[in-house]
Amino acid sequence: MYDEIQNPEKYKGTKLKEYYYNQVNIYVNQADFHWAVFSGVWAPFGQASLLGNHPLLGFEFGSKYRKTYFNVSMYLKFANATNNYTFLLADSARVTNHFFGGYIELDCEREILKIRRNEFNILAGIAWDGFDTIETNTNDDRTDNDKGKSINSLNLNVGLGYRYIFKNSAYLGIRGKYNFVNYKNVGGTDLSGHTVTIAFVYGGFLNSMKSYNLERYNYHY
């Protein structure tokens, strides 16, 4: 019966169809908790390309309301730089290939197309992005690594994403972002240039009451 009611060609204008969708919309319009873990690659361009590509690993959490996601995302990027670069610390120029970075972001996703369980999204976010130039250690006999130095930048980004959603509300996806950054390395190597990130994502949605009731109404969403 529920399949028949959801057929757009049947029961048009009836109280039965109206009642069914009034009940369904109570749960459809509830927000879901959203979580995800992801891994991929961070790739710089311009002068920053001398740092080389780096693997990244992160997670995110937030909420999904109908076609819109609001998330807090964090990831780490690691492995030494491809080339040496210089930076200024305590008025002295240092040479290093050390690279270990962090990233924290507020982002928004908007579904632009959904075909059955295939979802395509547009992405945008604002983040704080940076990396350490030296590994600090105050417990050894050296004094040149007691103080650290980070190179940071505001990050504005846009991108596209795809996810395939399974029946249990978990999903697999891929996303790509173009990041507008400005790594200022005053007194050191020019690291100007933007970056691209590509990541594979595994995540899901949680709202047990919503899932239970939409399944009870056999609603195809």
N, C-alpha and C. Protein backbone atom coordinates (compact mmCIF):
# COMPACT_ATOMS: atom_id res chain seq x y z
N MET A 1 0.82 -1.21 0.00
CA MET A 1 0.00 0.00 0.00
C MET A 1 0.86 1.27 0.00
N TYR A 2 1.95 1.26 0.80
CA TYR A 2 2.80 2.44 0.86
C TYR A 2 3.49 2.71 -0.48
N ASP A 3 3.86 1.64 -1.18
CA ASP A 3 4.46 1.81 -2.51
C ASP A 3 3.46 2.45 -3.46
N GLU A 4 2.21 2.04 -3.37
CA GLU A 4 1.17 2.60 -4.22
C GLU A 4 0.96 4.09 -3.92
N ILE A 5 0.95 4.45 -2.67
CA ILE A 5 0.73 5.85 -2.29
C ILE A 5 1.87 6.73 -2.80
N GLN A 6 3.12 6.21 -2.80
CA GLN A 6 4.26 7.00 -3.25
C GLN A 6 4.37 7.11 -4.76
N ASN A 7 3.57 6.35 -5.47
CA ASN A 7 3.54 6.47 -6.93
C ASN A 7 2.94 7.83 -7.30
N PRO A 8 3.69 8.69 -8.02
CA PRO A 8 3.18 10.04 -8.29
C PRO A 8 1.91 10.07 -9.15
N GLU A 9 1.61 8.98 -9.82
CA GLU A 9 0.44 8.95 -10.71
C GLU A 9 -0.82 8.45 -10.02
N LYS A 10 -0.70 8.01 -8.79
CA LYS A 10 -1.85 7.41 -8.12
C LYS A 10 -2.25 8.21 -6.88
N TYR A 11 -3.54 8.18 -6.59
CA TYR A 11 -4.13 8.80 -5.41
C TYR A 11 -3.89 10.30 -5.35
N LYS A 12 -3.78 10.94 -6.51
CA LYS A 12 -3.55 12.39 -6.53
C LYS A 12 -4.72 13.11 -5.87
N GLY A 13 -4.39 14.07 -4.99
CA GLY A 13 -5.41 14.92 -4.37
C GLY A 13 -6.27 14.22 -3.34
N THR A 14 -5.94 13.00 -2.94
CA THR A 14 -6.77 12.29 -1.97
C THR A 14 -6.33 12.58 -0.55
N LYS A 15 -7.25 12.42 0.39
CA LYS A 15 -6.94 12.59 1.81
C LYS A 15 -5.93 11.54 2.27
N LEU A 16 -5.99 10.35 1.66
CA LEU A 16 -5.06 9.29 2.02
C LEU A 16 -3.62 9.69 1.73
N LYS A 17 -3.37 10.22 0.52
CA LYS A 17 -2.02 10.63 0.15
C LYS A 17 -1.56 11.80 1.02
N GLU A 18 -2.48 12.74 1.25
CA GLU A 18 -2.15 13.90 2.08
C GLU A 18 -1.78 13.47 3.49
N TYR A 19 -2.55 12.56 4.07
CA TYR A 19 -2.28 12.09 5.42
C TYR A 19 -0.93 11.36 5.49
N TYR A 20 -0.67 10.52 4.49
CA TYR A 20 0.59 9.75 4.46
C TYR A 20 1.79 10.70 4.47
N TYR A 21 1.79 11.70 3.58
CA TYR A 21 2.95 12.59 3.49
C TYR A 21 3.04 13.54 4.68
N ASN A 22 1.93 13.86 5.30
CA ASN A 22 1.99 14.64 6.54
C ASN A 22 2.72 13.87 7.62
N GLN A 23 2.46 12.57 7.72
CA GLN A 23 3.13 11.74 8.71
C GLN A 23 4.61 11.54 8.37
N VAL A 24 4.89 11.28 7.11
CA VAL A 24 6.27 11.04 6.67
C VAL A 24 7.13 12.29 6.88
N ASN A 25 6.58 13.45 6.56
CA ASN A 25 7.37 14.69 6.63
C ASN A 25 7.76 15.06 8.06
N ILE A 26 7.04 14.55 9.04
CA ILE A 26 7.43 14.77 10.42
C ILE A 26 8.85 14.26 10.65
N TYR A 27 9.17 13.12 10.04
CA TYR A 27 10.47 12.48 10.24
C TYR A 27 11.48 12.88 9.17
N VAL A 28 11.03 13.08 7.94
CA VAL A 28 11.94 13.50 6.86
C VAL A 28 12.62 14.81 7.22
N ASN A 29 11.90 15.71 7.86
CA ASN A 29 12.42 17.04 8.17
C ASN A 29 13.27 17.09 9.44
N GLN A 30 13.50 15.95 10.07
CA GLN A 30 14.40 15.92 11.22
C GLN A 30 15.85 15.88 10.74
N ALA A 31 16.74 16.50 11.51
CA ALA A 31 18.15 16.50 11.16
C ALA A 31 18.79 15.17 11.58
N ASP A 32 19.84 14.78 10.85
CA ASP A 32 20.63 13.60 11.18
C ASP A 32 21.99 14.03 11.73
N PHE A 33 22.54 13.24 12.64
CA PHE A 33 23.94 13.40 13.02
C PHE A 33 24.78 12.79 11.90
N HIS A 34 25.80 13.51 11.46
CA HIS A 34 26.66 13.03 10.37
C HIS A 34 28.09 12.86 10.88
N TRP A 35 28.73 11.75 10.49
CA TRP A 35 30.12 11.49 10.86
C TRP A 35 30.84 10.90 9.65
N ALA A 36 32.14 11.05 9.63
CA ALA A 36 32.93 10.48 8.53
C ALA A 36 34.41 10.44 8.89
N VAL A 37 35.12 9.50 8.32
CA VAL A 37 36.58 9.44 8.35
C VAL A 37 37.06 9.46 6.90
N PHE A 38 38.24 10.00 6.67
CA PHE A 38 38.70 10.12 5.29
C PHE A 38 40.22 10.08 5.21
N SER A 39 40.70 9.73 4.03
CA SER A 39 42.14 9.68 3.78
C SER A 39 42.37 10.03 2.32
N GLY A 40 43.48 10.71 2.06
CA GLY A 40 43.74 11.11 0.69
C GLY A 40 45.10 11.76 0.52
N VAL A 41 45.14 12.76 -0.34
CA VAL A 41 46.41 13.40 -0.66
C VAL A 41 46.24 14.92 -0.67
N TRP A 42 47.27 15.61 -0.20
CA TRP A 42 47.35 17.08 -0.21
C TRP A 42 48.42 17.45 -1.23
N ALA A 43 48.07 18.26 -2.22
CA ALA A 43 48.98 18.59 -3.31
C ALA A 43 49.08 20.10 -3.49
N PRO A 44 50.28 20.69 -3.29
CA PRO A 44 50.46 22.14 -3.45
C PRO A 44 50.88 22.51 -4.87
N PHE A 45 50.62 23.78 -5.22
CA PHE A 45 51.00 24.31 -6.53
C PHE A 45 51.81 25.59 -6.35
N GLY A 46 52.29 26.13 -7.45
CA GLY A 46 53.08 27.34 -7.39
C GLY A 46 54.40 27.09 -6.69
N GLN A 47 54.89 28.10 -5.97
CA GLN A 47 56.15 27.96 -5.24
C GLN A 47 56.06 26.92 -4.12
N ALA A 48 54.85 26.72 -3.61
CA ALA A 48 54.67 25.74 -2.54
C ALA A 48 54.85 24.30 -3.02
N SER A 49 54.90 24.09 -4.32
CA SER A 49 55.03 22.73 -4.86
C SER A 49 56.35 22.07 -4.44
N LEU A 50 57.35 22.86 -4.04
CA LEU A 50 58.62 22.26 -3.60
C LEU A 50 58.44 21.43 -2.33
N LEU A 51 57.32 21.65 -1.62
CA LEU A 51 57.03 20.84 -0.44
C LEU A 51 56.63 19.42 -0.81
N GLY A 52 56.13 19.23 -2.04
CA GLY A 52 55.71 17.92 -2.50
C GLY A 52 54.32 17.54 -2.01
N ASN A 53 53.82 16.43 -2.54
CA ASN A 53 52.52 15.91 -2.12
C ASN A 53 52.64 15.18 -0.79
N HIS A 54 51.57 15.21 0.00
CA HIS A 54 51.59 14.57 1.32
C HIS A 54 50.29 13.82 1.57
N PRO A 55 50.37 12.65 2.22
CA PRO A 55 49.14 11.95 2.62
C PRO A 55 48.43 12.71 3.73
N LEU A 56 47.11 12.56 3.77
CA LEU A 56 46.33 13.18 4.85
C LEU A 56 45.39 12.14 5.44
N LEU A 57 45.04 12.35 6.69
CA LEU A 57 44.14 11.45 7.41
C LEU A 57 43.31 12.29 8.37
N GLY A 58 41.98 12.14 8.30
CA GLY A 58 41.15 13.00 9.15
C GLY A 58 39.78 12.44 9.44
N PHE A 59 38.99 13.25 10.13
CA PHE A 59 37.61 12.89 10.45
C PHE A 59 36.78 14.16 10.50
N GLU A 60 35.46 13.97 10.48
CA GLU A 60 34.54 15.10 10.59
C GLU A 60 33.26 14.67 11.27
N PHE A 61 32.54 15.64 11.80
CA PHE A 61 31.24 15.38 12.41
C PHE A 61 30.39 16.63 12.26
N GLY A 62 29.08 16.43 12.28
CA GLY A 62 28.17 17.55 12.13
C GLY A 62 26.75 17.07 12.00
N SER A 63 25.98 17.76 11.18
CA SER A 63 24.58 17.41 11.00
C SER A 63 24.17 17.55 9.54
N LYS A 64 23.13 16.81 9.18
CA LYS A 64 22.53 16.92 7.86
C LYS A 64 21.07 17.28 8.03
N TYR A 65 20.66 18.38 7.40
CA TYR A 65 19.25 18.76 7.41
C TYR A 65 18.76 18.80 5.98
N ARG A 66 17.94 17.81 5.64
CA ARG A 66 17.43 17.64 4.27
C ARG A 66 18.59 17.55 3.28
N LYS A 67 18.85 18.57 2.47
CA LYS A 67 19.90 18.47 1.45
C LYS A 67 21.19 19.18 1.83
N THR A 68 21.29 19.65 3.07
CA THR A 68 22.44 20.45 3.47
C THR A 68 23.17 19.83 4.65
N TYR A 69 24.51 19.81 4.57
CA TYR A 69 25.37 19.32 5.63
C TYR A 69 26.13 20.50 6.25
N PHE A 70 26.28 20.46 7.57
CA PHE A 70 27.15 21.40 8.28
C PHE A 70 28.13 20.57 9.12
N ASN A 71 29.44 20.76 8.88
CA ASN A 71 30.43 19.90 9.49
C ASN A 71 31.59 20.67 10.11
N VAL A 72 32.23 20.04 11.08
CA VAL A 72 33.55 20.43 11.56
C VAL A 72 34.50 19.33 11.09
N SER A 73 35.53 19.72 10.34
CA SER A 73 36.49 18.75 9.78
C SER A 73 37.88 19.02 10.32
N MET A 74 38.63 17.95 10.54
CA MET A 74 40.02 18.04 10.98
C MET A 74 40.84 16.96 10.28
N TYR A 75 42.04 17.33 9.88
CA TYR A 75 42.93 16.30 9.37
C TYR A 75 44.39 16.67 9.62
N LEU A 76 45.25 15.65 9.54
CA LEU A 76 46.70 15.80 9.65
C LEU A 76 47.32 15.45 8.30
N LYS A 77 48.36 16.19 7.93
CA LYS A 77 49.15 15.85 6.74
C LYS A 77 50.59 15.66 7.19
N PHE A 78 51.25 14.64 6.65
CA PHE A 78 52.54 14.25 7.21
C PHE A 78 53.47 13.73 6.13
N ALA A 79 54.65 13.32 6.53
CA ALA A 79 55.78 12.88 5.68
C ALA A 79 56.64 14.09 5.34
N ASN A 80 57.96 13.89 5.27
CA ASN A 80 58.89 14.99 5.02
C ASN A 80 58.66 15.63 3.66
N ALA A 81 59.05 16.91 3.56
CA ALA A 81 58.94 17.64 2.29
C ALA A 81 59.86 17.02 1.24
N THR A 82 59.47 17.14 0.00
CA THR A 82 60.27 16.59 -1.10
C THR A 82 61.62 17.30 -1.21
N ASN A 83 61.64 18.60 -0.93
CA ASN A 83 62.85 19.40 -1.04
C ASN A 83 63.11 20.15 0.27
N ASN A 84 64.36 20.52 0.47
CA ASN A 84 64.69 21.39 1.60
C ASN A 84 64.14 22.79 1.37
N TYR A 85 63.80 23.46 2.45
CA TYR A 85 63.38 24.86 2.38
C TYR A 85 63.93 25.57 3.61
N THR A 86 63.98 26.88 3.55
CA THR A 86 64.51 27.66 4.67
C THR A 86 63.38 28.39 5.39
N PHE A 87 63.60 28.65 6.66
CA PHE A 87 62.68 29.45 7.46
C PHE A 87 63.49 30.23 8.48
N LEU A 88 62.89 31.25 9.02
CA LEU A 88 63.58 32.13 9.96
C LEU A 88 63.11 31.83 11.37
N LEU A 89 64.07 31.57 12.27
CA LEU A 89 63.75 31.30 13.66
C LEU A 89 64.75 32.04 14.54
N ALA A 90 64.26 32.92 15.40
CA ALA A 90 65.12 33.73 16.29
C ALA A 90 66.19 34.46 15.49
N ASP A 91 65.78 35.07 14.39
CA ASP A 91 66.65 35.86 13.52
C ASP A 91 67.74 35.04 12.83
N SER A 92 67.60 33.72 12.85
CA SER A 92 68.57 32.85 12.17
C SER A 92 67.85 32.04 11.10
N ALA A 93 68.46 31.93 9.93
CA ALA A 93 67.90 31.13 8.85
C ALA A 93 68.20 29.66 9.10
N ARG A 94 67.18 28.83 9.00
CA ARG A 94 67.34 27.39 9.17
C ARG A 94 66.95 26.68 7.87
N VAL A 95 67.57 25.54 7.63
CA VAL A 95 67.23 24.71 6.48
C VAL A 95 66.62 23.42 6.99
N THR A 96 65.51 22.99 6.39
CA THR A 96 64.82 21.80 6.87
C THR A 96 64.05 21.14 5.74
N ASN A 97 63.68 19.89 5.95
CA ASN A 97 62.69 19.24 5.09
C ASN A 97 61.56 18.67 5.95
N HIS A 98 61.54 19.11 7.23
CA HIS A 98 60.50 18.62 8.15
C HIS A 98 59.14 19.17 7.71
N PHE A 99 58.11 18.32 7.82
CA PHE A 99 56.76 18.75 7.46
C PHE A 99 55.76 17.89 8.23
N PHE A 100 54.97 18.56 9.06
CA PHE A 100 53.86 17.89 9.75
C PHE A 100 52.79 18.94 9.97
N GLY A 101 51.63 18.75 9.32
CA GLY A 101 50.63 19.81 9.30
C GLY A 101 49.30 19.43 9.90
N GLY A 102 48.54 20.44 10.27
CA GLY A 102 47.19 20.28 10.78
C GLY A 102 46.21 21.18 10.06
N TYR A 103 44.94 20.88 10.24
CA TYR A 103 43.88 21.59 9.51
C TYR A 103 42.60 21.44 10.31
N ILE A 104 41.88 22.54 10.55
CA ILE A 104 40.57 22.49 11.18
C ILE A 104 39.63 23.42 10.42
N GLU A 105 38.42 22.94 10.16
CA GLU A 105 37.54 23.64 9.19
C GLU A 105 36.09 23.61 9.63
N LEU A 106 35.38 24.66 9.28
CA LEU A 106 33.92 24.68 9.26
C LEU A 106 33.49 24.63 7.80
N ASP A 107 32.69 23.63 7.43
CA ASP A 107 32.32 23.53 6.03
C ASP A 107 30.84 23.25 5.85
N CYS A 108 30.39 23.44 4.64
CA CYS A 108 28.99 23.24 4.28
C CYS A 108 28.95 22.47 2.97
N GLU A 109 28.05 21.50 2.89
CA GLU A 109 27.81 20.76 1.67
C GLU A 109 26.34 20.91 1.28
N ARG A 110 26.10 20.96 -0.03
CA ARG A 110 24.74 21.06 -0.52
C ARG A 110 24.52 20.04 -1.63
N GLU A 111 23.53 19.20 -1.45
CA GLU A 111 23.21 18.23 -2.48
C GLU A 111 22.67 18.94 -3.72
N ILE A 112 23.28 18.66 -4.88
CA ILE A 112 22.82 19.29 -6.13
C ILE A 112 22.15 18.29 -7.06
N LEU A 113 22.39 16.99 -6.82
CA LEU A 113 21.78 15.96 -7.67
C LEU A 113 21.77 14.65 -6.91
N LYS A 114 20.64 13.95 -6.96
CA LYS A 114 20.56 12.63 -6.35
C LYS A 114 19.85 11.69 -7.30
N ILE A 115 20.52 10.59 -7.64
CA ILE A 115 19.96 9.57 -8.51
C ILE A 115 19.97 8.28 -7.72
N ARG A 116 18.79 7.86 -7.26
CA ARG A 116 18.65 6.71 -6.38
C ARG A 116 19.55 6.89 -5.16
N ARG A 117 20.59 6.08 -5.01
CA ARG A 117 21.47 6.20 -3.85
C ARG A 117 22.78 6.92 -4.16
N ASN A 118 22.85 7.52 -5.32
CA ASN A 118 24.04 8.27 -5.73
C ASN A 118 23.78 9.76 -5.49
N GLU A 119 24.65 10.39 -4.70
CA GLU A 119 24.46 11.79 -4.31
C GLU A 119 25.67 12.62 -4.75
N PHE A 120 25.41 13.75 -5.38
CA PHE A 120 26.45 14.66 -5.84
C PHE A 120 26.29 15.99 -5.12
N ASN A 121 27.40 16.50 -4.57
CA ASN A 121 27.35 17.69 -3.72
C ASN A 121 28.33 18.75 -4.17
N ILE A 122 28.03 19.99 -3.82
CA ILE A 122 28.98 21.09 -3.93
C ILE A 122 29.42 21.45 -2.52
N LEU A 123 30.71 21.79 -2.35
CA LEU A 123 31.31 21.98 -1.04
C LEU A 123 31.93 23.36 -0.92
N ALA A 124 31.93 23.90 0.28
CA ALA A 124 32.63 25.16 0.56
C ALA A 124 32.98 25.20 2.03
N GLY A 125 34.13 25.82 2.35
CA GLY A 125 34.53 25.88 3.75
C GLY A 125 35.53 26.97 4.05
N ILE A 126 35.72 27.21 5.34
CA ILE A 126 36.74 28.13 5.82
C ILE A 126 37.52 27.40 6.91
N ALA A 127 38.86 27.49 6.85
CA ALA A 127 39.69 26.68 7.73
C ALA A 127 40.94 27.43 8.16
N TRP A 128 41.59 26.88 9.20
CA TRP A 128 42.93 27.29 9.59
C TRP A 128 43.87 26.16 9.23
N ASP A 129 44.90 26.48 8.46
CA ASP A 129 45.74 25.46 7.81
C ASP A 129 47.20 25.80 8.05
N GLY A 130 48.03 24.81 8.38
CA GLY A 130 49.44 25.10 8.59
C GLY A 130 50.27 23.85 8.78
N PHE A 131 51.57 24.05 8.99
CA PHE A 131 52.48 22.92 9.21
C PHE A 131 53.68 23.38 10.03
N ASP A 132 54.26 22.42 10.76
CA ASP A 132 55.47 22.68 11.56
C ASP A 132 56.71 22.54 10.68
N THR A 133 57.67 23.40 10.92
CA THR A 133 58.93 23.36 10.17
C THR A 133 60.05 22.65 10.93
N ILE A 134 59.83 22.36 12.21
CA ILE A 134 60.87 21.75 13.03
C ILE A 134 60.20 20.86 14.08
N GLU A 135 60.80 19.72 14.34
CA GLU A 135 60.32 18.83 15.37
C GLU A 135 60.98 19.19 16.69
N THR A 136 60.22 19.70 17.63
CA THR A 136 60.80 20.17 18.90
C THR A 136 61.07 19.01 19.86
N ASN A 137 62.11 19.19 20.65
CA ASN A 137 62.47 18.19 21.67
C ASN A 137 63.30 18.89 22.73
N THR A 138 62.71 19.09 23.89
CA THR A 138 63.41 19.79 24.98
C THR A 138 64.10 18.82 25.93
N ASN A 139 64.00 17.52 25.64
CA ASN A 139 64.57 16.53 26.54
C ASN A 139 65.95 16.03 26.12
N ASP A 140 66.42 16.48 24.93
CA ASP A 140 67.75 16.06 24.52
C ASP A 140 68.77 17.16 24.82
N ASP A 141 70.04 16.93 24.45
CA ASP A 141 71.11 17.89 24.74
C ASP A 141 71.19 19.03 23.73
N ARG A 142 70.44 18.92 22.64
CA ARG A 142 70.49 19.97 21.62
C ARG A 142 69.67 21.17 22.07
N THR A 143 70.08 22.34 21.63
CA THR A 143 69.32 23.56 21.94
C THR A 143 68.65 24.16 20.70
N ASP A 144 69.02 23.66 19.50
CA ASP A 144 68.48 24.26 18.29
C ASP A 144 67.09 23.74 17.93
N ASN A 145 66.58 22.78 18.72
CA ASN A 145 65.24 22.26 18.45
C ASN A 145 64.30 22.43 19.63
N ASP A 146 64.66 23.36 20.55
CA ASP A 146 63.81 23.59 21.72
C ASP A 146 62.58 24.43 21.37
N LYS A 147 62.71 25.30 20.40
CA LYS A 147 61.61 26.16 20.00
C LYS A 147 61.12 25.76 18.61
N GLY A 148 59.80 25.77 18.45
CA GLY A 148 59.21 25.39 17.17
C GLY A 148 58.85 26.59 16.32
N LYS A 149 58.51 26.32 15.08
CA LYS A 149 58.07 27.37 14.17
C LYS A 149 57.04 26.76 13.22
N SER A 150 55.87 27.38 13.17
CA SER A 150 54.81 26.93 12.28
C SER A 150 54.56 27.97 11.20
N ILE A 151 54.20 27.50 10.04
CA ILE A 151 53.79 28.36 8.93
C ILE A 151 52.31 28.11 8.70
N ASN A 152 51.50 29.15 8.84
CA ASN A 152 50.04 28.99 8.82
C ASN A 152 49.38 29.90 7.80
N SER A 153 48.11 29.59 7.53
CA SER A 153 47.35 30.41 6.60
C SER A 153 45.86 30.19 6.80
N LEU A 154 45.09 31.24 6.54
CA LEU A 154 43.65 31.08 6.39
C LEU A 154 43.41 30.29 5.11
N ASN A 155 42.44 29.39 5.13
CA ASN A 155 42.14 28.54 3.98
C ASN A 155 40.67 28.71 3.60
N LEU A 156 40.42 29.19 2.40
CA LEU A 156 39.08 29.25 1.83
C LEU A 156 39.02 28.23 0.71
N ASN A 157 38.02 27.37 0.70
CA ASN A 157 38.01 26.28 -0.27
C ASN A 157 36.64 26.02 -0.85
N VAL A 158 36.65 25.46 -2.05
CA VAL A 158 35.43 25.03 -2.74
C VAL A 158 35.73 23.68 -3.39
N GLY A 159 34.68 22.92 -3.67
CA GLY A 159 34.92 21.63 -4.29
C GLY A 159 33.65 20.89 -4.63
N LEU A 160 33.83 19.64 -5.05
CA LEU A 160 32.73 18.76 -5.43
C LEU A 160 32.88 17.44 -4.71
N GLY A 161 31.77 16.78 -4.43
CA GLY A 161 31.81 15.49 -3.75
C GLY A 161 30.78 14.54 -4.30
N TYR A 162 31.06 13.26 -4.12
CA TYR A 162 30.12 12.20 -4.52
C TYR A 162 30.07 11.18 -3.40
N ARG A 163 28.89 10.64 -3.11
CA ARG A 163 28.77 9.54 -2.16
C ARG A 163 27.70 8.56 -2.63
N TYR A 164 27.98 7.29 -2.35
CA TYR A 164 26.99 6.24 -2.57
C TYR A 164 26.48 5.81 -1.20
N ILE A 165 25.18 5.94 -0.99
CA ILE A 165 24.59 5.70 0.33
C ILE A 165 23.98 4.29 0.36
N PHE A 166 24.40 3.50 1.34
CA PHE A 166 23.89 2.15 1.51
C PHE A 166 22.57 2.17 2.29
N LYS A 167 21.90 1.05 2.32
CA LYS A 167 20.59 0.98 2.98
C LYS A 167 20.68 1.20 4.48
N ASN A 168 21.84 0.92 5.07
CA ASN A 168 22.00 1.13 6.52
C ASN A 168 22.43 2.55 6.86
N SER A 169 22.37 3.47 5.89
CA SER A 169 22.70 4.89 6.04
C SER A 169 24.20 5.15 6.12
N ALA A 170 25.04 4.13 5.94
CA ALA A 170 26.47 4.36 5.77
C ALA A 170 26.73 4.71 4.31
N TYR A 171 27.90 5.27 4.02
CA TYR A 171 28.20 5.62 2.64
C TYR A 171 29.70 5.56 2.37
N LEU A 172 30.03 5.44 1.10
CA LEU A 172 31.39 5.60 0.60
C LEU A 172 31.38 6.76 -0.39
N GLY A 173 32.44 7.56 -0.38
CA GLY A 173 32.44 8.71 -1.27
C GLY A 173 33.83 9.17 -1.62
N ILE A 174 33.88 10.17 -2.47
CA ILE A 174 35.13 10.82 -2.84
C ILE A 174 34.85 12.31 -2.95
N ARG A 175 35.84 13.13 -2.60
CA ARG A 175 35.66 14.58 -2.70
C ARG A 175 36.97 15.23 -3.12
N GLY A 176 36.84 16.30 -3.83
CA GLY A 176 38.00 17.09 -4.22
C GLY A 176 37.76 18.54 -3.89
N LYS A 177 38.81 19.22 -3.38
CA LYS A 177 38.69 20.63 -3.00
C LYS A 177 39.88 21.42 -3.54
N TYR A 178 39.58 22.63 -3.96
CA TYR A 178 40.63 23.60 -4.31
C TYR A 178 40.72 24.58 -3.15
N ASN A 179 41.92 24.70 -2.59
CA ASN A 179 42.13 25.51 -1.38
C ASN A 179 42.91 26.79 -1.70
N PHE A 180 42.32 27.92 -1.37
CA PHE A 180 43.00 29.21 -1.55
C PHE A 180 43.73 29.53 -0.25
N VAL A 181 45.08 29.47 -0.30
CA VAL A 181 45.89 29.69 0.89
C VAL A 181 47.01 30.69 0.58
N ASN A 182 47.65 31.16 1.64
CA ASN A 182 48.79 32.08 1.50
C ASN A 182 49.76 31.81 2.63
N TYR A 183 50.63 30.81 2.43
CA TYR A 183 51.61 30.46 3.45
C TYR A 183 52.70 31.53 3.49
N LYS A 184 52.72 32.31 4.55
CA LYS A 184 53.72 33.38 4.68
C LYS A 184 54.92 32.86 5.45
N ASN A 185 56.05 32.81 4.78
CA ASN A 185 57.30 32.33 5.37
C ASN A 185 58.30 33.49 5.32
N VAL A 186 58.07 34.48 6.18
CA VAL A 186 58.87 35.71 6.18
C VAL A 186 60.34 35.38 6.47
N GLY A 187 61.23 35.85 5.59
CA GLY A 187 62.65 35.62 5.75
C GLY A 187 63.12 34.26 5.26
N GLY A 188 62.22 33.45 4.74
CA GLY A 188 62.57 32.11 4.27
C GLY A 188 62.15 31.88 2.83
N THR A 189 62.11 30.65 2.44
CA THR A 189 61.76 30.26 1.07
C THR A 189 60.34 30.69 0.73
N ASP A 190 60.15 31.19 -0.47
CA ASP A 190 58.82 31.57 -0.95
C ASP A 190 57.97 30.31 -1.08
N LEU A 191 56.87 30.25 -0.32
CA LEU A 191 55.97 29.10 -0.35
C LEU A 191 54.58 29.51 -0.81
N SER A 192 54.49 30.54 -1.62
CA SER A 192 53.20 30.99 -2.12
C SER A 192 52.63 29.97 -3.10
N GLY A 193 51.32 29.87 -3.13
CA GLY A 193 50.65 28.93 -4.03
C GLY A 193 49.49 28.26 -3.34
N HIS A 194 48.52 27.85 -4.12
CA HIS A 194 47.33 27.20 -3.56
C HIS A 194 47.51 25.68 -3.55
N THR A 195 46.51 24.99 -3.01
CA THR A 195 46.61 23.54 -2.87
C THR A 195 45.32 22.86 -3.31
N VAL A 196 45.44 21.57 -3.60
CA VAL A 196 44.28 20.72 -3.90
C VAL A 196 44.31 19.53 -2.96
N THR A 197 43.14 19.14 -2.47
CA THR A 197 43.03 17.92 -1.66
C THR A 197 42.01 16.99 -2.31
N ILE A 198 42.36 15.71 -2.35
CA ILE A 198 41.46 14.67 -2.85
C ILE A 198 41.41 13.59 -1.78
N ALA A 199 40.20 13.18 -1.39
CA ALA A 199 40.07 12.24 -0.29
C ALA A 199 38.96 11.23 -0.55
N PHE A 200 39.19 10.00 -0.10
CA PHE A 200 38.16 8.97 -0.07
C PHE A 200 37.53 8.99 1.32
N VAL A 201 36.20 8.86 1.35
CA VAL A 201 35.45 9.09 2.58
C VAL A 201 34.57 7.89 2.92
N TYR A 202 34.54 7.53 4.19
CA TYR A 202 33.57 6.56 4.70
C TYR A 202 32.84 7.21 5.87
N GLY A 203 31.51 7.20 5.82
CA GLY A 203 30.76 7.87 6.87
C GLY A 203 29.35 7.34 6.99
N GLY A 204 28.51 8.08 7.70
CA GLY A 204 27.14 7.65 7.87
C GLY A 204 26.30 8.69 8.58
N PHE A 205 25.02 8.37 8.74
CA PHE A 205 24.04 9.25 9.37
C PHE A 205 23.38 8.50 10.52
N LEU A 206 23.09 9.20 11.60
CA LEU A 206 22.48 8.59 12.76
C LEU A 206 21.26 9.38 13.20
N ASN A 207 20.12 8.72 13.21
CA ASN A 207 18.89 9.22 13.82
C ASN A 207 17.96 8.02 13.90
N SER A 208 18.07 7.26 14.98
CA SER A 208 17.38 5.98 15.08
C SER A 208 15.87 6.13 15.01
N MET A 209 15.32 7.19 15.61
CA MET A 209 13.88 7.38 15.57
C MET A 209 13.40 7.68 14.15
N LYS A 210 14.15 8.50 13.45
CA LYS A 210 13.81 8.82 12.06
C LYS A 210 13.87 7.58 11.19
N SER A 211 14.96 6.82 11.29
CA SER A 211 15.12 5.61 10.48
C SER A 211 14.02 4.61 10.76
N TYR A 212 13.69 4.42 12.04
CA TYR A 212 12.66 3.45 12.41
C TYR A 212 11.31 3.82 11.81
N ASN A 213 10.93 5.09 11.92
CA ASN A 213 9.61 5.48 11.46
C ASN A 213 9.50 5.53 9.94
N LEU A 214 10.56 5.97 9.25
CA LEU A 214 10.50 5.97 7.79
C LEU A 214 10.49 4.55 7.24
N GLU A 215 11.17 3.65 7.94
CA GLU A 215 11.10 2.24 7.53
C GLU A 215 9.70 1.69 7.79
N ARG A 216 9.10 2.11 8.89
CA ARG A 216 7.74 1.67 9.22
C ARG A 216 6.75 2.10 8.14
N TYR A 217 6.96 3.31 7.58
CA TYR A 217 6.10 3.80 6.49
C TYR A 217 6.61 3.37 5.11
N ASN A 218 7.70 2.58 5.10
CA ASN A 218 8.28 2.10 3.84
C ASN A 218 8.54 3.26 2.88
N TYR A 219 9.04 4.37 3.45
CA TYR A 219 9.28 5.56 2.63
C TYR A 219 10.64 5.46 1.94
N HIS A 220 10.65 5.68 0.64
CA HIS A 220 11.89 5.58 -0.16
C HIS A 220 12.56 6.93 -0.20
N TYR A 221 13.64 7.09 0.55
CA TYR A 221 14.32 8.38 0.63
C TYR A 221 15.80 8.19 0.42
